[in-house]
Amino acid sequence: KRELIECARAVTEKVSLVLSALQAGNKGTQACITAASAVSGII
């Protein structure tokens, strides 16, 4: 049970590392998504 909990924590940490790598590679994409969302709200 303890090992399962430790593995779950490790997966959580690795997910955050993947997210940060994806966000670093998609800064321009994220800016476009944010702008598109704002334009959709205005429309």
Full PDB file with SEQRES, HELIX, SHEET, SSBOND, CRYST1, ORIGX, SCALE, CONECT and MASTER records, all heavy atoms in Angstrom:
SEQRES   1 A   43  LYS ARG GLU LEU ILE GLU CYS ALA ARG ALA VAL THR GLU          
SEQRES   2 A   43  LYS VAL SER LEU VAL LEU SER ALA LEU GLN ALA GLY ASN          
SEQRES   3 A   43  LYS GLY THR GLN ALA CYS ILE THR ALA ALA SER ALA VAL          
SEQRES   4 A   43  SER GLY ILE ILE                                              
HELIX    1 AA1 ARG A    2  GLY A   25  1                                  24    
HELIX    2 AA2 LYS A   27  ILE A   42  1                                  16    
CRYST1    1.000    1.000    1.000  90.00  90.00  90.00 P 1           1          
ORIGX1      1.000000  0.000000  0.000000        0.00000                         
ORIGX2      0.000000  1.000000  0.000000        0.00000                         
ORIGX3      0.000000  0.000000  1.000000        0.00000                         
SCALE1      1.000000  0.000000  0.000000        0.00000                         
SCALE2      0.000000  1.000000  0.000000        0.00000                         
SCALE3      0.000000  0.000000  1.000000        0.00000                         
ATOM      1  N   LYS A   1       0.841  -1.210   0.000  1.00  0.00           N  
ATOM      2  CA  LYS A   1       0.000   0.000   0.000  1.00  0.00           C  
ATOM      3  C   LYS A   1       0.871   1.254   0.000  1.00  0.00           C  
ATOM      4  O   LYS A   1       0.625   2.199  -0.748  1.00  0.00           O  
ATOM      5  CB  LYS A   1      -0.932   0.016   1.221  1.00  0.00           C  
ATOM      6  CG  LYS A   1      -2.064  -0.964   1.126  1.00  0.00           C  
ATOM      7  CD  LYS A   1      -2.942  -0.901   2.372  1.00  0.00           C  
ATOM      8  CE  LYS A   1      -4.053  -1.928   2.309  1.00  0.00           C  
ATOM      9  NZ  LYS A   1      -4.936  -1.876   3.480  1.00  0.00           N  
ATOM     10  N   ARG A   2       1.902   1.247   0.859  1.00  0.00           N  
ATOM     11  CA  ARG A   2       2.817   2.397   0.903  1.00  0.00           C  
ATOM     12  C   ARG A   2       3.541   2.582  -0.425  1.00  0.00           C  
ATOM     13  O   ARG A   2       3.712   3.692  -0.899  1.00  0.00           O  
ATOM     14  CB  ARG A   2       3.832   2.233   2.041  1.00  0.00           C  
ATOM     15  CG  ARG A   2       3.355   2.731   3.370  1.00  0.00           C  
ATOM     16  CD  ARG A   2       4.496   2.854   4.377  1.00  0.00           C  
ATOM     17  NE  ARG A   2       5.288   1.632   4.513  1.00  0.00           N  
ATOM     18  CZ  ARG A   2       5.030   0.643   5.361  1.00  0.00           C  
ATOM     19  NH1 ARG A   2       3.991   0.728   6.152  1.00  0.00           N  
ATOM     20  NH2 ARG A   2       5.807  -0.407   5.430  1.00  0.00           N  
ATOM     21  N   GLU A   3       3.980   1.465  -1.008  1.00  0.00           N  
ATOM     22  CA  GLU A   3       4.665   1.546  -2.298  1.00  0.00           C  
ATOM     23  C   GLU A   3       3.741   2.104  -3.380  1.00  0.00           C  
ATOM     24  O   GLU A   3       4.173   2.893  -4.226  1.00  0.00           O  
ATOM     25  CB  GLU A   3       5.182   0.161  -2.716  1.00  0.00           C  
ATOM     26  CG  GLU A   3       6.398  -0.285  -1.958  1.00  0.00           C  
ATOM     27  CD  GLU A   3       6.908  -1.628  -2.460  1.00  0.00           C  
ATOM     28  OE1 GLU A   3       6.088  -2.490  -2.862  1.00  0.00           O  
ATOM     29  OE2 GLU A   3       8.132  -1.802  -2.457  1.00  0.00           O  
ATOM     30  N   LEU A   4       2.480   1.689  -3.369  1.00  0.00           N  
ATOM     31  CA  LEU A   4       1.514   2.199  -4.348  1.00  0.00           C  
ATOM     32  C   LEU A   4       1.345   3.706  -4.193  1.00  0.00           C  
ATOM     33  O   LEU A   4       1.347   4.448  -5.184  1.00  0.00           O  
ATOM     34  CB  LEU A   4       0.167   1.498  -4.200  1.00  0.00           C  
ATOM     35  CG  LEU A   4      -0.922   2.002  -5.151  1.00  0.00           C  
ATOM     36  CD1 LEU A   4      -0.656   1.512  -6.559  1.00  0.00           C  
ATOM     37  CD2 LEU A   4      -2.291   1.558  -4.693  1.00  0.00           C  
ATOM     38  N   ILE A   5       1.254   4.158  -2.962  1.00  0.00           N  
ATOM     39  CA  ILE A   5       1.109   5.596  -2.705  1.00  0.00           C  
ATOM     40  C   ILE A   5       2.348   6.352  -3.185  1.00  0.00           C  
ATOM     41  O   ILE A   5       2.236   7.420  -3.794  1.00  0.00           O  
ATOM     42  CB  ILE A   5       0.809   5.843  -1.209  1.00  0.00           C  
ATOM     43  CG1 ILE A   5      -0.597   5.324  -0.861  1.00  0.00           C  
ATOM     44  CG2 ILE A   5       0.944   7.321  -0.861  1.00  0.00           C  
ATOM     45  CD1 ILE A   5      -0.895   5.260   0.617  1.00  0.00           C  
ATOM     46  N   GLU A   6       3.528   5.809  -2.931  1.00  0.00           N  
ATOM     47  CA  GLU A   6       4.772   6.448  -3.398  1.00  0.00           C  
ATOM     48  C   GLU A   6       4.831   6.495  -4.924  1.00  0.00           C  
ATOM     49  O   GLU A   6       5.250   7.498  -5.504  1.00  0.00           O  
ATOM     50  CB  GLU A   6       5.995   5.707  -2.838  1.00  0.00           C  
ATOM     51  CG  GLU A   6       6.209   5.924  -1.358  1.00  0.00           C  
ATOM     52  CD  GLU A   6       7.333   5.050  -0.798  1.00  0.00           C  
ATOM     53  OE1 GLU A   6       8.186   4.589  -1.584  1.00  0.00           O  
ATOM     54  OE2 GLU A   6       7.337   4.832   0.420  1.00  0.00           O  
ATOM     55  N   CYS A   7       4.400   5.418  -5.574  1.00  0.00           N  
ATOM     56  CA  CYS A   7       4.385   5.394  -7.042  1.00  0.00           C  
ATOM     57  C   CYS A   7       3.394   6.425  -7.587  1.00  0.00           C  
ATOM     58  O   CYS A   7       3.667   7.085  -8.600  1.00  0.00           O  
ATOM     59  CB  CYS A   7       4.023   4.000  -7.557  1.00  0.00           C  
ATOM     60  SG  CYS A   7       5.343   2.795  -7.400  1.00  0.00           S  
ATOM     61  N   ALA A   8       2.253   6.562  -6.925  1.00  0.00           N  
ATOM     62  CA  ALA A   8       1.258   7.553  -7.360  1.00  0.00           C  
ATOM     63  C   ALA A   8       1.837   8.967  -7.244  1.00  0.00           C  
ATOM     64  O   ALA A   8       1.630   9.804  -8.127  1.00  0.00           O  
ATOM     65  CB  ALA A   8      -0.020   7.420  -6.535  1.00  0.00           C  
ATOM     66  N   ARG A   9       2.572   9.221  -6.167  1.00  0.00           N  
ATOM     67  CA  ARG A   9       3.213  10.534  -6.012  1.00  0.00           C  
ATOM     68  C   ARG A   9       4.243  10.771  -7.111  1.00  0.00           C  
ATOM     69  O   ARG A   9       4.346  11.863  -7.662  1.00  0.00           O  
ATOM     70  CB  ARG A   9       3.889  10.631  -4.653  1.00  0.00           C  
ATOM     71  CG  ARG A   9       2.947  10.935  -3.543  1.00  0.00           C  
ATOM     72  CD  ARG A   9       3.699  11.303  -2.257  1.00  0.00           C  
ATOM     73  NE  ARG A   9       2.776  11.225  -1.145  1.00  0.00           N  
ATOM     74  CZ  ARG A   9       2.900  10.426  -0.098  1.00  0.00           C  
ATOM     75  NH1 ARG A   9       3.969   9.660   0.012  1.00  0.00           N  
ATOM     76  NH2 ARG A   9       2.012  10.405   0.849  1.00  0.00           N  
ATOM     77  N   ALA A  10       5.018   9.738  -7.418  1.00  0.00           N  
ATOM     78  CA  ALA A  10       6.036   9.863  -8.460  1.00  0.00           C  
ATOM     79  C   ALA A  10       5.389  10.143  -9.815  1.00  0.00           C  
ATOM     80  O   ALA A  10       5.885  10.979 -10.585  1.00  0.00           O  
ATOM     81  CB  ALA A  10       6.879   8.588  -8.534  1.00  0.00           C  
ATOM     82  N   VAL A  11       4.276   9.485 -10.108  1.00  0.00           N  
ATOM     83  CA  VAL A  11       3.567   9.726 -11.368  1.00  0.00           C  
ATOM     84  C   VAL A  11       3.059  11.163 -11.402  1.00  0.00           C  
ATOM     85  O   VAL A  11       3.161  11.833 -12.436  1.00  0.00           O  
ATOM     86  CB  VAL A  11       2.423   8.702 -11.570  1.00  0.00           C  
ATOM     87  CG1 VAL A  11       1.467   9.134 -12.671  1.00  0.00           C  
ATOM     88  CG2 VAL A  11       3.004   7.328 -11.890  1.00  0.00           C  
ATOM     89  N   THR A  12       2.551  11.650 -10.294  1.00  0.00           N  
ATOM     90  CA  THR A  12       2.068  13.034 -10.228  1.00  0.00           C  
ATOM     91  C   THR A  12       3.199  14.013 -10.545  1.00  0.00           C  
ATOM     92  O   THR A  12       3.018  14.961 -11.311  1.00  0.00           O  
ATOM     93  CB  THR A  12       1.485  13.336  -8.834  1.00  0.00           C  
ATOM     94  OG1 THR A  12       0.394  12.441  -8.594  1.00  0.00           O  
ATOM     95  CG2 THR A  12       0.992  14.762  -8.728  1.00  0.00           C  
ATOM     96  N   GLU A  13       4.372  13.776  -9.970  1.00  0.00           N  
ATOM     97  CA  GLU A  13       5.526  14.642 -10.240  1.00  0.00           C  
ATOM     98  C   GLU A  13       5.933  14.568 -11.712  1.00  0.00           C  
ATOM     99  O   GLU A  13       6.227  15.587 -12.335  1.00  0.00           O  
ATOM    100  CB  GLU A  13       6.716  14.227  -9.362  1.00  0.00           C  
ATOM    101  CG  GLU A  13       6.536  14.542  -7.905  1.00  0.00           C  
ATOM    102  CD  GLU A  13       7.649  13.967  -7.046  1.00  0.00           C  
ATOM    103  OE1 GLU A  13       8.726  13.625  -7.591  1.00  0.00           O  
ATOM    104  OE2 GLU A  13       7.441  13.842  -5.827  1.00  0.00           O  
ATOM    105  N   LYS A  14       5.918  13.368 -12.280  1.00  0.00           N  
ATOM    106  CA  LYS A  14       6.310  13.203 -13.679  1.00  0.00           C  
ATOM    107  C   LYS A  14       5.297  13.851 -14.624  1.00  0.00           C  
ATOM    108  O   LYS A  14       5.672  14.390 -15.660  1.00  0.00           O  
ATOM    109  CB  LYS A  14       6.501  11.723 -13.998  1.00  0.00           C  
ATOM    110  CG  LYS A  14       7.725  11.132 -13.302  1.00  0.00           C  
ATOM    111  CD  LYS A  14       7.862   9.648 -13.532  1.00  0.00           C  
ATOM    112  CE  LYS A  14       8.885   8.981 -12.673  1.00  0.00           C  
ATOM    113  NZ  LYS A  14      10.207   9.499 -12.658  1.00  0.00           N  
ATOM    114  N   VAL A  15       4.027  13.824 -14.253  1.00  0.00           N  
ATOM    115  CA  VAL A  15       3.002  14.498 -15.055  1.00  0.00           C  
ATOM    116  C   VAL A  15       3.275  15.994 -15.097  1.00  0.00           C  
ATOM    117  O   VAL A  15       3.211  16.628 -16.157  1.00  0.00           O  
ATOM    118  CB  VAL A  15       1.582  14.220 -14.509  1.00  0.00           C  
ATOM    119  CG1 VAL A  15       0.558  15.175 -15.088  1.00  0.00           C  
ATOM    120  CG2 VAL A  15       1.169  12.786 -14.808  1.00  0.00           C  
ATOM    121  N   SER A  16       3.631  16.570 -13.946  1.00  0.00           N  
ATOM    122  CA  SER A  16       3.910  18.009 -13.922  1.00  0.00           C  
ATOM    123  C   SER A  16       5.146  18.343 -14.753  1.00  0.00           C  
ATOM    124  O   SER A  16       5.188  19.394 -15.395  1.00  0.00           O  
ATOM    125  CB  SER A  16       4.054  18.524 -12.487  1.00  0.00           C  
ATOM    126  OG  SER A  16       5.190  17.973 -11.874  1.00  0.00           O  
ATOM    127  N   LEU A  17       6.130  17.445 -14.782  1.00  0.00           N  
ATOM    128  CA  LEU A  17       7.316  17.671 -15.615  1.00  0.00           C  
ATOM    129  C   LEU A  17       6.966  17.615 -17.102  1.00  0.00           C  
ATOM    130  O   LEU A  17       7.469  18.408 -17.895  1.00  0.00           O  
ATOM    131  CB  LEU A  17       8.403  16.651 -15.288  1.00  0.00           C  
ATOM    132  CG  LEU A  17       9.048  16.784 -13.903  1.00  0.00           C  
ATOM    133  CD1 LEU A  17      10.005  15.619 -13.653  1.00  0.00           C  
ATOM    134  CD2 LEU A  17       9.763  18.115 -13.767  1.00  0.00           C  
ATOM    135  N   VAL A  18       6.098  16.680 -17.488  1.00  0.00           N  
ATOM    136  CA  VAL A  18       5.652  16.604 -18.884  1.00  0.00           C  
ATOM    137  C   VAL A  18       4.897  17.875 -19.257  1.00  0.00           C  
ATOM    138  O   VAL A  18       5.129  18.457 -20.325  1.00  0.00           O  
ATOM    139  CB  VAL A  18       4.777  15.350 -19.121  1.00  0.00           C  
ATOM    140  CG1 VAL A  18       4.109  15.396 -20.495  1.00  0.00           C  
ATOM    141  CG2 VAL A  18       5.604  14.079 -18.993  1.00  0.00           C  
ATOM    142  N   LEU A  19       4.001  18.302 -18.372  1.00  0.00           N  
ATOM    143  CA  LEU A  19       3.242  19.528 -18.642  1.00  0.00           C  
ATOM    144  C   LEU A  19       4.158  20.731 -18.818  1.00  0.00           C  
ATOM    145  O   LEU A  19       3.964  21.533 -19.736  1.00  0.00           O  
ATOM    146  CB  LEU A  19       2.241  19.800 -17.512  1.00  0.00           C  
ATOM    147  CG  LEU A  19       0.958  18.998 -17.563  1.00  0.00           C  
ATOM    148  CD1 LEU A  19       0.147  19.213 -16.292  1.00  0.00           C  
ATOM    149  CD2 LEU A  19       0.140  19.351 -18.780  1.00  0.00           C  
ATOM    150  N   SER A  20       5.163  20.851 -17.975  1.00  0.00           N  
ATOM    151  CA  SER A  20       6.067  22.000 -18.091  1.00  0.00           C  
ATOM    152  C   SER A  20       6.861  21.943 -19.395  1.00  0.00           C  
ATOM    153  O   SER A  20       7.082  22.967 -20.033  1.00  0.00           O  
ATOM    154  CB  SER A  20       7.002  22.104 -16.881  1.00  0.00           C  
ATOM    155  OG  SER A  20       7.909  21.031 -16.853  1.00  0.00           O  
ATOM    156  N   ALA A  21       7.263  20.748 -19.817  1.00  0.00           N  
ATOM    157  CA  ALA A  21       7.985  20.621 -21.090  1.00  0.00           C  
ATOM    158  C   ALA A  21       7.073  20.972 -22.260  1.00  0.00           C  
ATOM    159  O   ALA A  21       7.490  21.667 -23.197  1.00  0.00           O  
ATOM    160  CB  ALA A  21       8.527  19.199 -21.251  1.00  0.00           C  
ATOM    161  N   LEU A  22       5.836  20.513 -22.213  1.00  0.00           N  
ATOM    162  CA  LEU A  22       4.888  20.835 -23.284  1.00  0.00           C  
ATOM    163  C   LEU A  22       4.603  22.335 -23.339  1.00  0.00           C  
ATOM    164  O   LEU A  22       4.521  22.915 -24.416  1.00  0.00           O  
ATOM    165  CB  LEU A  22       3.589  20.051 -23.097  1.00  0.00           C  
ATOM    166  CG  LEU A  22       3.672  18.558 -23.372  1.00  0.00           C  
ATOM    167  CD1 LEU A  22       2.400  17.862 -22.903  1.00  0.00           C  
ATOM    168  CD2 LEU A  22       3.923  18.297 -24.838  1.00  0.00           C  
ATOM    169  N   GLN A  23       4.453  22.937 -22.178  1.00  0.00           N  
ATOM    170  CA  GLN A  23       4.173  24.381 -22.145  1.00  0.00           C  
ATOM    171  C   GLN A  23       5.366  25.179 -22.643  1.00  0.00           C  
ATOM    172  O   GLN A  23       5.204  26.191 -23.304  1.00  0.00           O  
ATOM    173  CB  GLN A  23       3.760  24.806 -20.741  1.00  0.00           C  
ATOM    174  CG  GLN A  23       2.377  24.295 -20.382  1.00  0.00           C  
ATOM    175  CD  GLN A  23       2.044  24.462 -18.920  1.00  0.00           C  
ATOM    176  OE1 GLN A  23       2.910  24.706 -18.084  1.00  0.00           O  
ATOM    177  NE2 GLN A  23       0.777  24.308 -18.585  1.00  0.00           N  
ATOM    178  N   ALA A  24       6.568  24.711 -22.352  1.00  0.00           N  
ATOM    179  CA  ALA A  24       7.759  25.408 -22.838  1.00  0.00           C  
ATOM    180  C   ALA A  24       7.828  25.350 -24.356  1.00  0.00           C  
ATOM    181  O   ALA A  24       8.271  26.305 -25.006  1.00  0.00           O  
ATOM    182  CB  ALA A  24       9.022  24.787 -22.240  1.00  0.00           C  
ATOM    183  N   GLY A  25       7.373  24.252 -24.933  1.00  0.00           N  
ATOM    184  CA  GLY A  25       7.406  24.105 -26.373  1.00  0.00           C  
ATOM    185  C   GLY A  25       6.232  24.733 -27.087  1.00  0.00           C  
ATOM    186  O   GLY A  25       6.228  24.844 -28.307  1.00  0.00           O  
ATOM    187  N   ASN A  26       5.234  25.153 -26.342  1.00  0.00           N  
ATOM    188  CA  ASN A  26       4.013  25.659 -26.969  1.00  0.00           C  
ATOM    189  C   ASN A  26       3.618  27.048 -26.480  1.00  0.00           C  
ATOM    190  O   ASN A  26       2.433  27.346 -26.382  1.00  0.00           O  
ATOM    191  CB  ASN A  26       2.858  24.686 -26.710  1.00  0.00           C  
ATOM    192  CG  ASN A  26       3.039  23.383 -27.425  1.00  0.00           C  
ATOM    193  OD1 ASN A  26       3.439  23.373 -28.574  1.00  0.00           O  
ATOM    194  ND2 ASN A  26       2.771  22.294 -26.753  1.00  0.00           N  
ATOM    195  N   LYS A  27       4.593  27.876 -26.181  1.00  0.00           N  
ATOM    196  CA  LYS A  27       4.256  29.219 -25.693  1.00  0.00           C  
ATOM    197  C   LYS A  27       3.450  29.994 -26.724  1.00  0.00           C  
ATOM    198  O   LYS A  27       2.464  30.634 -26.400  1.00  0.00           O  
ATOM    199  CB  LYS A  27       5.518  29.974 -25.301  1.00  0.00           C  
ATOM    200  CG  LYS A  27       6.147  29.437 -24.048  1.00  0.00           C  
ATOM    201  CD  LYS A  27       7.365  30.213 -23.647  1.00  0.00           C  
ATOM    202  CE  LYS A  27       7.957  29.576 -22.396  1.00  0.00           C  
ATOM    203  NZ  LYS A  27       9.150  30.222 -21.946  1.00  0.00           N  
ATOM    204  N   GLY A  28       3.860  29.924 -27.978  1.00  0.00           N  
ATOM    205  CA  GLY A  28       3.128  30.626 -29.034  1.00  0.00           C  
ATOM    206  C   GLY A  28       1.741  30.041 -29.230  1.00  0.00           C  
ATOM    207  O   GLY A  28       0.769  30.771 -29.427  1.00  0.00           O  
ATOM    208  N   THR A  29       1.645  28.718 -29.149  1.00  0.00           N  
ATOM    209  CA  THR A  29       0.356  28.054 -29.295  1.00  0.00           C  
ATOM    210  C   THR A  29      -0.578  28.466 -28.176  1.00  0.00           C  
ATOM    211  O   THR A  29      -1.756  28.749 -28.403  1.00  0.00           O  
ATOM    212  CB  THR A  29       0.540  26.522 -29.286  1.00  0.00           C  
ATOM    213  OG1 THR A  29       1.442  26.173 -30.323  1.00  0.00           O  
ATOM    214  CG2 THR A  29      -0.772  25.801 -29.465  1.00  0.00           C  
ATOM    215  N   GLN A  30      -0.062  28.521 -26.963  1.00  0.00           N  
ATOM    216  CA  GLN A  30      -0.898  28.905 -25.825  1.00  0.00           C  
ATOM    217  C   GLN A  30      -1.380  30.338 -25.971  1.00  0.00           C  
ATOM    218  O   GLN A  30      -2.527  30.650 -25.657  1.00  0.00           O  
ATOM    219  CB  GLN A  30      -0.133  28.727 -24.505  1.00  0.00           C  
ATOM    220  CG  GLN A  30      -1.000  28.925 -23.281  1.00  0.00           C  
ATOM    221  CD  GLN A  30      -2.172  27.962 -23.232  1.00  0.00           C  
ATOM    222  OE1 GLN A  30      -2.033  26.785 -23.468  1.00  0.00           O  
ATOM    223  NE2 GLN A  30      -3.345  28.474 -22.934  1.00  0.00           N  
ATOM    224  N   ALA A  31      -0.536  31.222 -26.460  1.00  0.00           N  
ATOM    225  CA  ALA A  31      -0.948  32.609 -26.675  1.00  0.00           C  
ATOM    226  C   ALA A  31      -2.070  32.668 -27.708  1.00  0.00           C  
ATOM    227  O   ALA A  31      -3.032  33.435 -27.545  1.00  0.00           O  
ATOM    228  CB  ALA A  31       0.244  33.443 -27.136  1.00  0.00           C  
ATOM    229  N   CYS A  32      -1.977  31.863 -28.758  1.00  0.00           N  
ATOM    230  CA  CYS A  32      -3.034  31.820 -29.772  1.00  0.00           C  
ATOM    231  C   CYS A  32      -4.332  31.274 -29.189  1.00  0.00           C  
ATOM    232  O   CYS A  32      -5.419  31.784 -29.485  1.00  0.00           O  
ATOM    233  CB  CYS A  32      -2.608  30.964 -30.959  1.00  0.00           C  
ATOM    234  SG  CYS A  32      -1.335  31.728 -31.971  1.00  0.00           S  
ATOM    235  N   ILE A  33      -4.234  30.243 -28.359  1.00  0.00           N  
ATOM    236  CA  ILE A  33      -5.426  29.675 -27.731  1.00  0.00           C  
ATOM    237  C   ILE A  33      -6.095  30.708 -26.835  1.00  0.00           C  
ATOM    238  O   ILE A  33      -7.319  30.873 -26.846  1.00  0.00           O  
ATOM    239  CB  ILE A  33      -5.067  28.401 -26.934  1.00  0.00           C  
ATOM    240  CG1 ILE A  33      -4.675  27.280 -27.885  1.00  0.00           C  
ATOM    241  CG2 ILE A  33      -6.212  27.961 -26.033  1.00  0.00           C  
ATOM    242  CD1 ILE A  33      -4.064  26.065 -27.213  1.00  0.00           C  
ATOM    243  N   THR A  34      -5.299  31.442 -26.064  1.00  0.00           N  
ATOM    244  CA  THR A  34      -5.840  32.477 -25.185  1.00  0.00           C  
ATOM    245  C   THR A  34      -6.512  33.575 -25.993  1.00  0.00           C  
ATOM    246  O   THR A  34      -7.619  34.021 -25.664  1.00  0.00           O  
ATOM    247  CB  THR A  34      -4.718  33.063 -24.306  1.00  0.00           C  
ATOM    248  OG1 THR A  34      -4.110  32.001 -23.567  1.00  0.00           O  
ATOM    249  CG2 THR A  34      -5.252  34.106 -23.355  1.00  0.00           C  
ATOM    250  N   ALA A  35      -5.866  34.010 -27.061  1.00  0.00           N  
ATOM    251  CA  ALA A  35      -6.445  35.049 -27.916  1.00  0.00           C  
ATOM    252  C   ALA A  35      -7.727  34.563 -28.577  1.00  0.00           C  
ATOM    253  O   ALA A  35      -8.722  35.298 -28.636  1.00  0.00           O  
ATOM    254  CB  ALA A  35      -5.428  35.486 -28.970  1.00  0.00           C  
ATOM    255  N   ALA A  36      -7.733  33.327 -29.062  1.00  0.00           N  
ATOM    256  CA  ALA A  36      -8.930  32.774 -29.703  1.00  0.00           C  
ATOM    257  C   ALA A  36     -10.078  32.687 -28.709  1.00  0.00           C  
ATOM    258  O   ALA A  36     -11.229  32.963 -29.044  1.00  0.00           O  
ATOM    259  CB  ALA A  36      -8.630  31.406 -30.293  1.00  0.00           C  
ATOM    260  N   SER A  37      -9.756  32.331 -27.480  1.00  0.00           N  
ATOM    261  CA  SER A  37     -10.781  32.258 -26.442  1.00  0.00           C  
ATOM    262  C   SER A  37     -11.372  33.638 -26.161  1.00  0.00           C  
ATOM    263  O   SER A  37     -12.586  33.789 -26.014  1.00  0.00           O  
ATOM    264  CB  SER A  37     -10.188  31.661 -25.172  1.00  0.00           C  
ATOM    265  OG  SER A  37     -11.132  31.644 -24.138  1.00  0.00           O  
ATOM    266  N   ALA A  38     -10.507  34.644 -26.096  1.00  0.00           N  
ATOM    267  CA  ALA A  38     -10.984  36.012 -25.856  1.00  0.00           C  
ATOM    268  C   ALA A  38     -11.858  36.488 -27.012  1.00  0.00           C  
ATOM    269  O   ALA A  38     -12.921  37.085 -26.799  1.00  0.00           O  
ATOM    270  CB  ALA A  38      -9.794  36.954 -25.662  1.00  0.00           C  
ATOM    271  N   VAL A  39     -11.444  36.202 -28.234  1.00  0.00           N  
ATOM    272  CA  VAL A  39     -12.233  36.606 -29.408  1.00  0.00           C  
ATOM    273  C   VAL A  39     -13.571  35.879 -29.413  1.00  0.00           C  
ATOM    274  O   VAL A  39     -14.611  36.482 -29.707  1.00  0.00           O  
ATOM    275  CB  VAL A  39     -11.442  36.347 -30.709  1.00  0.00           C  
ATOM    276  CG1 VAL A  39     -12.324  36.504 -31.937  1.00  0.00           C  
ATOM    277  CG2 VAL A  39     -10.250  37.291 -30.800  1.00  0.00           C  
ATOM    278  N   SER A  40     -13.576  34.602 -29.057  1.00  0.00           N  
ATOM    279  CA  SER A  40     -14.829  33.841 -28.999  1.00  0.00           C  
ATOM    280  C   SER A  40     -15.782  34.453 -27.978  1.00  0.00           C  
ATOM    281  O   SER A  40     -16.991  34.526 -28.215  1.00  0.00           O  
ATOM    282  CB  SER A  40     -14.573  32.385 -28.639  1.00  0.00           C  
ATOM    283  OG  SER A  40     -13.867  31.748 -29.657  1.00  0.00           O  
ATOM    284  N   GLY A  41     -15.241  34.884 -26.849  1.00  0.00           N  
ATOM    285  CA  GLY A  41     -16.075  35.547 -25.837  1.00  0.00           C  
ATOM    286  C   GLY A  41     -16.675  36.841 -26.353  1.00  0.00           C  
ATOM    287  O   GLY A  41     -17.857  37.129 -26.126  1.00  0.00           O  
ATOM    288  N   ILE A  42     -15.885  37.622 -27.062  1.00  0.00           N  
ATOM    289  CA  ILE A  42     -16.380  38.886 -27.628  1.00  0.00           C  
ATOM    290  C   ILE A  42     -17.468  38.616 -28.663  1.00  0.00           C  
ATOM    291  O   ILE A  42     -18.512  39.277 -28.683  1.00  0.00           O  
ATOM    292  CB  ILE A  42     -15.220  39.700 -28.234  1.00  0.00           C  
ATOM    293  CG1 ILE A  42     -14.284  40.178 -27.121  1.00  0.00           C  
ATOM    294  CG2 ILE A  42     -15.740  40.871 -29.061  1.00  0.00           C  
ATOM    295  CD1 ILE A  42     -12.969  40.740 -27.621  1.00  0.00           C  
ATOM    296  N   ILE A  43     -17.243  37.618 -29.512  1.00  0.00           N  
ATOM    297  CA  ILE A  43     -18.238  37.262 -30.524  1.00  0.00           C  
ATOM    298  C   ILE A  43     -19.537  36.815 -29.860  1.00  0.00           C  
ATOM    299  O   ILE A  43     -20.628  37.200 -30.288  1.00  0.00           O  
ATOM    300  CB  ILE A  43     -17.681  36.177 -31.476  1.00  0.00           C  
ATOM    301  CG1 ILE A  43     -16.581  36.775 -32.354  1.00  0.00           C  
ATOM    302  CG2 ILE A  43     -18.795  35.571 -32.340  1.00  0.00           C  
ATOM    303  CD1 ILE A  43     -15.812  35.752 -33.165  1.00  0.00           C  
TER     304      ILE A  43                                                      
MASTER        0    0    0    2    0    0    0    6  303    1    0    4          
END                                                                             
